[in-house]
Every structure is written in C-alpha cells, then in structure tokens.
N, C-alpha and C. Protein backbone atom coordinates (compact mmCIF):
# COMPACT_ATOMS: atom_id res chain seq x y z
N MET A 1 0.85 -1.19 0.00
CA MET A 1 0.00 0.00 0.00
C MET A 1 0.89 1.24 0.00
N SER A 2 0.57 2.18 -0.84
CA SER A 2 1.38 3.40 -0.91
C SER A 2 1.02 4.35 0.22
N LYS A 3 1.98 5.14 0.59
CA LYS A 3 1.75 6.14 1.63
C LYS A 3 0.86 7.25 1.08
N GLN A 4 -0.18 7.63 1.85
CA GLN A 4 -1.10 8.66 1.39
C GLN A 4 -0.39 10.00 1.34
N LYS A 5 -0.62 10.73 0.27
CA LYS A 5 -0.05 12.06 0.13
C LYS A 5 -0.87 13.00 0.99
N GLN A 6 -0.20 13.77 1.86
CA GLN A 6 -0.89 14.52 2.90
C GLN A 6 -1.15 16.00 2.60
N ALA A 7 -0.66 16.53 1.52
CA ALA A 7 -0.87 17.95 1.24
C ALA A 7 -2.36 18.22 1.02
N ARG A 8 -2.86 19.29 1.63
CA ARG A 8 -4.24 19.69 1.38
C ARG A 8 -4.36 20.19 -0.05
N VAL A 9 -5.55 20.02 -0.63
CA VAL A 9 -5.77 20.40 -2.03
C VAL A 9 -7.02 21.26 -2.12
N LEU A 10 -6.93 22.31 -2.94
CA LEU A 10 -8.08 23.16 -3.26
C LEU A 10 -8.28 23.12 -4.76
N VAL A 11 -9.49 22.79 -5.17
CA VAL A 11 -9.85 22.80 -6.59
C VAL A 11 -10.83 23.95 -6.80
N VAL A 12 -10.37 24.97 -7.50
CA VAL A 12 -11.19 26.17 -7.75
C VAL A 12 -11.98 25.96 -9.03
N GLY A 13 -13.27 26.24 -8.95
CA GLY A 13 -14.15 26.04 -10.10
C GLY A 13 -14.91 24.74 -10.04
N ALA A 14 -14.96 24.15 -8.84
CA ALA A 14 -15.67 22.89 -8.65
C ALA A 14 -16.47 22.95 -7.35
N VAL A 15 -17.63 22.32 -7.36
CA VAL A 15 -18.48 22.22 -6.17
C VAL A 15 -19.07 20.82 -6.13
N ASP A 16 -18.95 20.16 -5.01
CA ASP A 16 -19.54 18.82 -4.80
C ASP A 16 -19.18 17.84 -5.91
N GLY A 17 -17.93 17.87 -6.36
CA GLY A 17 -17.47 16.91 -7.35
C GLY A 17 -17.80 17.24 -8.79
N SER A 18 -18.40 18.40 -9.03
CA SER A 18 -18.75 18.81 -10.39
C SER A 18 -18.11 20.15 -10.72
N LEU A 19 -17.73 20.32 -11.97
CA LEU A 19 -17.16 21.59 -12.41
C LEU A 19 -18.29 22.59 -12.64
N THR A 20 -18.05 23.85 -12.27
CA THR A 20 -19.05 24.89 -12.52
C THR A 20 -18.78 25.51 -13.89
N ASP A 21 -19.85 25.92 -14.56
CA ASP A 21 -19.71 26.49 -15.90
C ASP A 21 -18.94 27.80 -15.91
N ASP A 22 -19.11 28.60 -14.83
CA ASP A 22 -18.50 29.94 -14.81
C ASP A 22 -17.22 30.01 -13.97
N GLY A 23 -16.76 28.87 -13.46
CA GLY A 23 -15.53 28.86 -12.67
C GLY A 23 -15.71 29.27 -11.22
N SER A 24 -16.95 29.43 -10.79
CA SER A 24 -17.19 29.83 -9.40
C SER A 24 -17.08 28.62 -8.48
N GLY A 25 -16.94 28.91 -7.20
CA GLY A 25 -16.90 27.87 -6.19
C GLY A 25 -15.54 27.24 -6.04
N SER A 26 -15.41 26.45 -5.00
CA SER A 26 -14.19 25.69 -4.78
C SER A 26 -14.50 24.50 -3.90
N GLN A 27 -13.67 23.50 -3.99
CA GLN A 27 -13.83 22.29 -3.20
C GLN A 27 -12.49 21.94 -2.60
N GLY A 28 -12.47 21.76 -1.30
CA GLY A 28 -11.25 21.42 -0.59
C GLY A 28 -11.18 19.95 -0.24
N PHE A 29 -9.96 19.45 -0.17
CA PHE A 29 -9.71 18.05 0.16
C PHE A 29 -8.59 17.99 1.19
N ALA A 30 -8.65 16.99 2.06
CA ALA A 30 -7.65 16.84 3.11
C ALA A 30 -6.31 16.33 2.59
N SER A 31 -6.33 15.70 1.41
CA SER A 31 -5.08 15.14 0.87
C SER A 31 -5.16 15.06 -0.64
N GLU A 32 -4.00 14.86 -1.25
CA GLU A 32 -3.95 14.67 -2.70
C GLU A 32 -4.71 13.41 -3.10
N ASP A 33 -4.56 12.36 -2.32
CA ASP A 33 -5.26 11.11 -2.64
C ASP A 33 -6.77 11.29 -2.64
N ALA A 34 -7.30 12.05 -1.67
CA ALA A 34 -8.74 12.29 -1.61
C ALA A 34 -9.20 13.09 -2.83
N ALA A 35 -8.42 14.06 -3.25
CA ALA A 35 -8.77 14.86 -4.42
C ALA A 35 -8.75 14.01 -5.68
N LEU A 36 -7.77 13.12 -5.78
CA LEU A 36 -7.66 12.27 -6.96
C LEU A 36 -8.79 11.26 -7.07
N GLU A 37 -9.41 10.90 -5.96
CA GLU A 37 -10.56 10.00 -6.00
C GLU A 37 -11.73 10.67 -6.73
N VAL A 38 -11.88 11.97 -6.55
CA VAL A 38 -12.99 12.72 -7.16
C VAL A 38 -12.61 13.22 -8.55
N PHE A 39 -11.39 13.72 -8.67
CA PHE A 39 -10.90 14.28 -9.93
C PHE A 39 -9.60 13.56 -10.32
N PRO A 40 -9.69 12.38 -10.92
CA PRO A 40 -8.49 11.58 -11.19
C PRO A 40 -7.54 12.19 -12.23
N ASP A 41 -7.99 13.23 -12.92
CA ASP A 41 -7.13 13.84 -13.94
C ASP A 41 -6.36 15.05 -13.44
N LEU A 42 -6.32 15.30 -12.14
CA LEU A 42 -5.47 16.36 -11.58
C LEU A 42 -4.01 15.95 -11.75
N ARG A 43 -3.18 16.91 -12.16
CA ARG A 43 -1.76 16.62 -12.37
C ARG A 43 -0.91 17.74 -11.80
N LEU A 44 0.18 17.37 -11.19
CA LEU A 44 1.13 18.35 -10.66
C LEU A 44 2.11 18.82 -11.72
N ASP A 45 2.38 17.98 -12.70
CA ASP A 45 3.48 18.23 -13.63
C ASP A 45 3.09 18.88 -14.95
N ALA A 46 1.79 18.96 -15.24
CA ALA A 46 1.39 19.54 -16.53
C ALA A 46 -0.08 19.95 -16.49
N ASP A 47 -0.42 20.95 -17.29
CA ASP A 47 -1.82 21.31 -17.45
C ASP A 47 -2.55 20.14 -18.10
N GLY A 48 -3.82 20.00 -17.76
CA GLY A 48 -4.63 18.95 -18.35
C GLY A 48 -5.79 19.52 -19.15
N GLU A 49 -6.65 18.65 -19.60
CA GLU A 49 -7.80 19.08 -20.39
C GLU A 49 -8.79 19.90 -19.57
N ARG A 50 -8.96 19.53 -18.27
CA ARG A 50 -9.95 20.22 -17.44
C ARG A 50 -9.35 21.15 -16.39
N PHE A 51 -8.08 20.95 -16.04
CA PHE A 51 -7.48 21.69 -14.93
C PHE A 51 -6.10 22.23 -15.27
N THR A 52 -5.75 23.34 -14.63
CA THR A 52 -4.37 23.80 -14.67
C THR A 52 -3.53 22.84 -13.83
N ARG A 53 -2.22 22.87 -14.06
CA ARG A 53 -1.34 22.05 -13.21
C ARG A 53 -1.43 22.55 -11.77
N GLY A 54 -1.14 21.69 -10.83
CA GLY A 54 -1.17 22.06 -9.42
C GLY A 54 -0.07 23.05 -9.09
N ARG A 55 -0.42 24.02 -8.27
CA ARG A 55 0.56 25.02 -7.83
C ARG A 55 0.54 25.09 -6.31
N ALA A 56 1.70 25.22 -5.73
CA ALA A 56 1.80 25.31 -4.28
C ALA A 56 1.36 26.69 -3.81
N ASP A 57 0.48 26.71 -2.82
CA ASP A 57 0.09 27.96 -2.17
C ASP A 57 1.03 28.21 -1.00
N PRO A 58 1.14 29.46 -0.54
CA PRO A 58 2.05 29.77 0.57
C PRO A 58 1.78 28.97 1.84
N ASP A 59 0.53 28.52 2.04
CA ASP A 59 0.20 27.77 3.25
C ASP A 59 0.56 26.28 3.15
N GLY A 60 1.17 25.87 2.03
CA GLY A 60 1.58 24.49 1.85
C GLY A 60 0.57 23.62 1.14
N SER A 61 -0.59 24.15 0.85
CA SER A 61 -1.59 23.38 0.12
C SER A 61 -1.30 23.45 -1.38
N ILE A 62 -1.99 22.63 -2.14
CA ILE A 62 -1.85 22.61 -3.59
C ILE A 62 -3.15 23.10 -4.20
N ARG A 63 -3.05 24.01 -5.16
CA ARG A 63 -4.22 24.63 -5.78
C ARG A 63 -4.28 24.25 -7.26
N PHE A 64 -5.44 23.76 -7.65
CA PHE A 64 -5.75 23.51 -9.05
C PHE A 64 -6.90 24.42 -9.43
N GLU A 65 -6.95 24.84 -10.68
CA GLU A 65 -8.08 25.64 -11.17
C GLU A 65 -8.64 24.99 -12.42
N THR A 66 -9.97 25.00 -12.53
CA THR A 66 -10.56 24.59 -13.80
C THR A 66 -10.21 25.69 -14.80
N TRP A 67 -10.32 25.38 -16.07
CA TRP A 67 -10.00 26.41 -17.08
C TRP A 67 -10.98 27.56 -17.00
N ALA A 68 -12.24 27.28 -16.66
CA ALA A 68 -13.22 28.37 -16.50
C ALA A 68 -12.81 29.28 -15.35
N ALA A 69 -12.34 28.70 -14.25
CA ALA A 69 -11.90 29.51 -13.11
C ALA A 69 -10.64 30.30 -13.47
N ALA A 70 -9.69 29.65 -14.12
CA ALA A 70 -8.45 30.35 -14.51
C ALA A 70 -8.77 31.53 -15.42
N ASN A 71 -9.68 31.35 -16.36
CA ASN A 71 -10.05 32.45 -17.26
C ASN A 71 -10.76 33.57 -16.51
N ALA A 72 -11.64 33.22 -15.60
CA ALA A 72 -12.36 34.23 -14.82
C ALA A 72 -11.40 35.01 -13.91
N LEU A 73 -10.44 34.34 -13.32
CA LEU A 73 -9.51 34.99 -12.41
C LEU A 73 -8.46 35.83 -13.13
N SER A 74 -8.25 35.58 -14.41
CA SER A 74 -7.23 36.32 -15.15
C SER A 74 -7.78 37.60 -15.78
N ARG A 75 -9.05 37.85 -15.65
CA ARG A 75 -9.64 39.06 -16.23
C ARG A 75 -9.35 40.27 -15.39
C-alpha cells in the first residue's frame, strides 16, 4: 500500500465533485489522494484538459483551477 499524500488540495471552479460552468466555487480536500478520488485527472506536472497544473500555495496546500476559473480569475 502506498503512503497517502498529505498535502491539502483546493480545486477552484468545482463544487460537490462537479465543475461549474463559470468557474465559481471551490472544493477542498484533506489530501492529494482524496482529491484524486474525485478528480483523477489532476496533475502536478502539466496542465490537463480540465485543470491547470497544481501550484503550491504559501500555506503548503496545492491549488488547481478549472479552465473556467483560470479564465475568470485572469480578467
């Protein structure tokens, strides 16, 4: 059994396991493994079809954004 990854994860542009059309909302997870159970296509090393690559926040958590959220936040 692999060791669970413990970094907290925030997915911006998602609510209750679903992506929002306008990039609003966010969903937090206690660990990377928990986030990957809901969103298995999250990646730390590269942007994906639905999400930006994970970025470290100053508090030690990892932040992913849906493309709708990234576009809304960049305006």
